[in-house]
């Protein structure tokens, strides 16, 4: 099975899903907002992102920040930490586990071939990290007799 859009019943997989994530002592309303804020070390720019009314607005604001040194080398680890934090919520962890062994692919129409795919083409780092997190959760679920 493949889940190739993080909408509808699969919306909880999206970084736009409204679930608080902590970064540097501040609580952000979504994984997207936390990730965008992590791009900069400037507290004013981080607060501007935290205050955005939607994850899409946070993404747009994140495109205008002063990037922290070495951001390209850090971004995968930052995202991995944000995803792990989000799925510490028992309800979200159960939902992720319920995807079983489905291939998770962040299919999108906005052209992001790094975090997702467009027309099935792309690196799908978000999907890969979600599957990695699911495998970590599966490893800690006690087997049923």
C-alpha atoms as a PDB file:
ATOM      1  CA  UNK A   1       0.000   0.000   0.000  1.00  0.00           C
ATOM      2  CA  UNK A   2       1.102   3.562  -0.708  1.00  0.00           C
ATOM      3  CA  UNK A   3       0.021   6.746   1.033  1.00  0.00           C
ATOM      4  CA  UNK A   4       1.093   9.398  -1.442  1.00  0.00           C
ATOM      5  CA  UNK A   5      -0.813  12.464  -0.233  1.00  0.00           C
ATOM      6  CA  UNK A   6      -0.871  13.723   3.330  1.00  0.00           C
ATOM      7  CA  UNK A   7      -4.471  14.909   3.161  1.00  0.00           C
ATOM      8  CA  UNK A   8      -7.788  13.643   4.476  1.00  0.00           C
ATOM      9  CA  UNK A   9      -7.260  10.716   6.863  1.00  0.00           C
ATOM     10  CA  UNK A  10      -3.497  10.996   6.293  1.00  0.00           C
ATOM     11  CA  UNK A  11      -3.321  14.720   7.131  1.00  0.00           C
ATOM     12  CA  UNK A  12      -1.714  13.915  10.497  1.00  0.00           C
ATOM     13  CA  UNK A  13       1.433  12.981   8.525  1.00  0.00           C
ATOM     14  CA  UNK A  14       1.752  16.494   7.127  1.00  0.00           C
ATOM     15  CA  UNK A  15       3.968  19.096   8.725  1.00  0.00           C
ATOM     16  CA  UNK A  16       0.983  21.417   8.296  1.00  0.00           C
ATOM     17  CA  UNK A  17      -1.032  19.327  10.764  1.00  0.00           C
ATOM     18  CA  UNK A  18      -1.853  21.493  13.803  1.00  0.00           C
ATOM     19  CA  UNK A  19       0.188  19.918  16.579  1.00  0.00           C
ATOM     20  CA  UNK A  20       2.504  21.904  18.874  1.00  0.00           C
ATOM     21  CA  UNK A  21       6.254  21.373  18.626  1.00  0.00           C
ATOM     22  CA  UNK A  22       8.844  22.893  20.950  1.00  0.00           C
ATOM     23  CA  UNK A  23      11.979  24.546  19.594  1.00  0.00           C
ATOM     24  CA  UNK A  24      14.473  26.455  21.708  1.00  0.00           C
ATOM     25  CA  UNK A  25      12.045  26.901  24.597  1.00  0.00           C
ATOM     26  CA  UNK A  26       9.186  28.215  22.424  1.00  0.00           C
ATOM     27  CA  UNK A  27       6.083  26.300  21.408  1.00  0.00           C
ATOM     28  CA  UNK A  28       5.233  26.394  17.694  1.00  0.00           C
ATOM     29  CA  UNK A  29       1.770  25.509  16.391  1.00  0.00           C
ATOM     30  CA  UNK A  30       2.998  22.979  13.806  1.00  0.00           C
ATOM     31  CA  UNK A  31       6.040  21.023  12.713  1.00  0.00           C
ATOM     32  CA  UNK A  32       6.223  23.319   9.683  1.00  0.00           C
ATOM     33  CA  UNK A  33       6.453  26.440  11.819  1.00  0.00           C
ATOM     34  CA  UNK A  34       9.122  24.889  14.062  1.00  0.00           C
ATOM     35  CA  UNK A  35      11.176  23.775  11.070  1.00  0.00           C
ATOM     36  CA  UNK A  36      10.978  27.167   9.388  1.00  0.00           C
ATOM     37  CA  UNK A  37      12.001  28.890  12.626  1.00  0.00           C
ATOM     38  CA  UNK A  38      14.949  26.514  13.020  1.00  0.00           C
ATOM     39  CA  UNK A  39      16.414  27.943   9.808  1.00  0.00           C
ATOM     40  CA  UNK A  40      17.488  31.078  11.662  1.00  0.00           C
ATOM     41  CA  UNK A  41      19.118  31.905  14.981  1.00  0.00           C
ATOM     42  CA  UNK A  42      17.533  35.373  15.037  1.00  0.00           C
ATOM     43  CA  UNK A  43      14.948  35.418  17.875  1.00  0.00           C
ATOM     44  CA  UNK A  44      12.903  38.163  16.199  1.00  0.00           C
ATOM     45  CA  UNK A  45      12.607  36.169  12.968  1.00  0.00           C
ATOM     46  CA  UNK A  46      11.749  33.015  14.946  1.00  0.00           C
ATOM     47  CA  UNK A  47       9.003  34.834  16.816  1.00  0.00           C
ATOM     48  CA  UNK A  48       7.620  36.217  13.559  1.00  0.00           C
ATOM     49  CA  UNK A  49       7.332  32.655  12.252  1.00  0.00           C
ATOM     50  CA  UNK A  50       5.838  31.380  15.511  1.00  0.00           C
ATOM     51  CA  UNK A  51       3.145  34.046  15.292  1.00  0.00           C
ATOM     52  CA  UNK A  52       2.118  33.183  11.714  1.00  0.00           C
ATOM     53  CA  UNK A  53      -1.578  32.311  11.471  1.00  0.00           C
ATOM     54  CA  UNK A  54      -1.068  29.235   9.261  1.00  0.00           C
ATOM     55  CA  UNK A  55       1.668  26.728   8.406  1.00  0.00           C
ATOM     56  CA  UNK A  56       1.662  28.085   4.838  1.00  0.00           C
ATOM     57  CA  UNK A  57       2.355  31.569   6.174  1.00  0.00           C
ATOM     58  CA  UNK A  58       5.160  30.125   8.329  1.00  0.00           C
ATOM     59  CA  UNK A  59       6.656  28.439   5.255  1.00  0.00           C
ATOM     60  CA  UNK A  60       6.528  31.728   3.340  1.00  0.00           C
ATOM     61  CA  UNK A  61       8.124  33.589   6.269  1.00  0.00           C
ATOM     62  CA  UNK A  62      10.819  30.925   6.489  1.00  0.00           C
ATOM     63  CA  UNK A  63      11.854  31.721   2.932  1.00  0.00           C
ATOM     64  CA  UNK A  64      12.770  35.245   4.033  1.00  0.00           C
ATOM     65  CA  UNK A  65      14.908  34.559   7.130  1.00  0.00           C
ATOM     66  CA  UNK A  66      18.627  34.938   7.608  1.00  0.00           C
ATOM     67  CA  UNK A  67      19.809  31.334   7.339  1.00  0.00           C
ATOM     68  CA  UNK A  68      21.882  30.042  10.204  1.00  0.00           C
ATOM     69  CA  UNK A  69      25.435  28.955   9.343  1.00  0.00           C
ATOM     70  CA  UNK A  70      25.568  25.435   7.939  1.00  0.00           C
ATOM     71  CA  UNK A  71      21.784  25.152   7.518  1.00  0.00           C
ATOM     72  CA  UNK A  72      21.958  22.798   4.529  1.00  0.00           C
ATOM     73  CA  UNK A  73      24.048  20.347   6.557  1.00  0.00           C
ATOM     74  CA  UNK A  74      21.710  20.633   9.569  1.00  0.00           C
ATOM     75  CA  UNK A  75      18.265  20.526   8.004  1.00  0.00           C
ATOM     76  CA  UNK A  76      17.821  16.749   7.852  1.00  0.00           C
ATOM     77  CA  UNK A  77      18.721  16.291  11.519  1.00  0.00           C
ATOM     78  CA  UNK A  78      16.508  19.222  12.503  1.00  0.00           C
ATOM     79  CA  UNK A  79      13.544  17.766  10.636  1.00  0.00           C
ATOM     80  CA  UNK A  80      14.180  14.310  12.074  1.00  0.00           C
ATOM     81  CA  UNK A  81      14.082  15.742  15.604  1.00  0.00           C
ATOM     82  CA  UNK A  82      10.892  17.677  14.921  1.00  0.00           C
ATOM     83  CA  UNK A  83       9.152  14.600  13.502  1.00  0.00           C
ATOM     84  CA  UNK A  84      10.246  12.430  16.428  1.00  0.00           C
ATOM     85  CA  UNK A  85       8.947  15.038  18.847  1.00  0.00           C
ATOM     86  CA  UNK A  86       5.593  15.298  17.063  1.00  0.00           C
ATOM     87  CA  UNK A  87       5.084  11.539  17.119  1.00  0.00           C
ATOM     88  CA  UNK A  88       5.829  11.241  20.837  1.00  0.00           C
ATOM     89  CA  UNK A  89       2.165  12.146  21.197  1.00  0.00           C
ATOM     90  CA  UNK A  90       0.562   8.728  21.870  1.00  0.00           C
ATOM     91  CA  UNK A  91      -2.434   9.479  19.633  1.00  0.00           C
ATOM     92  CA  UNK A  92      -0.230  10.427  16.683  1.00  0.00           C
ATOM     93  CA  UNK A  93       2.124   7.514  17.364  1.00  0.00           C
ATOM     94  CA  UNK A  94      -0.843   5.091  17.182  1.00  0.00           C
ATOM     95  CA  UNK A  95      -1.996   6.697  13.929  1.00  0.00           C
ATOM     96  CA  UNK A  96       1.491   6.391  12.428  1.00  0.00           C
ATOM     97  CA  UNK A  97       1.748   2.767  13.563  1.00  0.00           C
ATOM     98  CA  UNK A  98      -1.663   2.108  11.994  1.00  0.00           C
ATOM     99  CA  UNK A  99      -0.155   2.875   8.573  1.00  0.00           C
ATOM    100  CA  UNK A 100       1.508  -0.551   8.904  1.00  0.00           C
ATOM    101  CA  UNK A 101       4.086  -1.057   6.212  1.00  0.00           C
ATOM    102  CA  UNK A 102       2.607   1.454   3.765  1.00  0.00           C
ATOM    103  CA  UNK A 103       5.067   3.450   1.718  1.00  0.00           C
ATOM    104  CA  UNK A 104       4.692   7.088   2.815  1.00  0.00           C
ATOM    105  CA  UNK A 105       5.271   9.673   0.115  1.00  0.00           C
ATOM    106  CA  UNK A 106       4.701  13.403   0.458  1.00  0.00           C
ATOM    107  CA  UNK A 107       3.267  13.931  -3.008  1.00  0.00           C
ATOM    108  CA  UNK A 108       2.767  17.612  -3.733  1.00  0.00           C
ATOM    109  CA  UNK A 109       1.927  20.042  -6.485  1.00  0.00           C
ATOM    110  CA  UNK A 110       4.113  22.924  -5.275  1.00  0.00           C
ATOM    111  CA  UNK A 111       7.313  21.514  -6.760  1.00  0.00           C
ATOM    112  CA  UNK A 112       9.091  20.193  -3.659  1.00  0.00           C
ATOM    113  CA  UNK A 113      11.180  17.259  -4.807  1.00  0.00           C
ATOM    114  CA  UNK A 114      13.474  17.333  -1.774  1.00  0.00           C
ATOM    115  CA  UNK A 115      11.002  16.748   1.073  1.00  0.00           C
ATOM    116  CA  UNK A 116       8.430  15.105  -1.175  1.00  0.00           C
ATOM    117  CA  UNK A 117       7.693  14.094  -4.727  1.00  0.00           C
ATOM    118  CA  UNK A 118       6.048  15.654  -7.745  1.00  0.00           C
ATOM    119  CA  UNK A 119       4.486  13.183 -10.128  1.00  0.00           C
ATOM    120  CA  UNK A 120       6.215  10.380  -8.232  1.00  0.00           C
ATOM    121  CA  UNK A 121       9.665  11.932  -8.732  1.00  0.00           C
ATOM    122  CA  UNK A 122      11.747  13.239  -5.851  1.00  0.00           C
ATOM    123  CA  UNK A 123      13.826  12.413  -2.811  1.00  0.00           C
ATOM    124  CA  UNK A 124      10.847  12.195  -0.411  1.00  0.00           C
ATOM    125  CA  UNK A 125      12.860  13.001   2.718  1.00  0.00           C
ATOM    126  CA  UNK A 126       9.721  13.717   4.751  1.00  0.00           C
ATOM    127  CA  UNK A 127       8.185  10.385   3.814  1.00  0.00           C
ATOM    128  CA  UNK A 128      11.457   8.588   4.507  1.00  0.00           C
ATOM    129  CA  UNK A 129      11.732  10.172   7.953  1.00  0.00           C
ATOM    130  CA  UNK A 130       8.138   9.289   8.768  1.00  0.00           C
ATOM    131  CA  UNK A 131       8.799   5.651   7.823  1.00  0.00           C
ATOM    132  CA  UNK A 132      11.996   5.741   9.898  1.00  0.00           C
ATOM    133  CA  UNK A 133      10.066   7.106  12.883  1.00  0.00           C
ATOM    134  CA  UNK A 134       7.382   4.449  12.384  1.00  0.00           C
ATOM    135  CA  UNK A 135      10.056   1.724  12.394  1.00  0.00           C
ATOM    136  CA  UNK A 136      11.472   3.134  15.645  1.00  0.00           C
ATOM    137  CA  UNK A 137       7.987   3.081  17.182  1.00  0.00           C
ATOM    138  CA  UNK A 138       7.368  -0.468  15.924  1.00  0.00           C
ATOM    139  CA  UNK A 139      10.599  -1.604  17.561  1.00  0.00           C
ATOM    140  CA  UNK A 140       9.254  -0.418  20.929  1.00  0.00           C
ATOM    141  CA  UNK A 141       5.768  -1.924  20.670  1.00  0.00           C
ATOM    142  CA  UNK A 142       5.548  -5.106  22.755  1.00  0.00           C
ATOM    143  CA  UNK A 143       4.538  -8.156  20.738  1.00  0.00           C
ATOM    144  CA  UNK A 144       1.099  -9.543  21.431  1.00  0.00           C
ATOM    145  CA  UNK A 145       0.753 -13.199  22.340  1.00  0.00           C
END
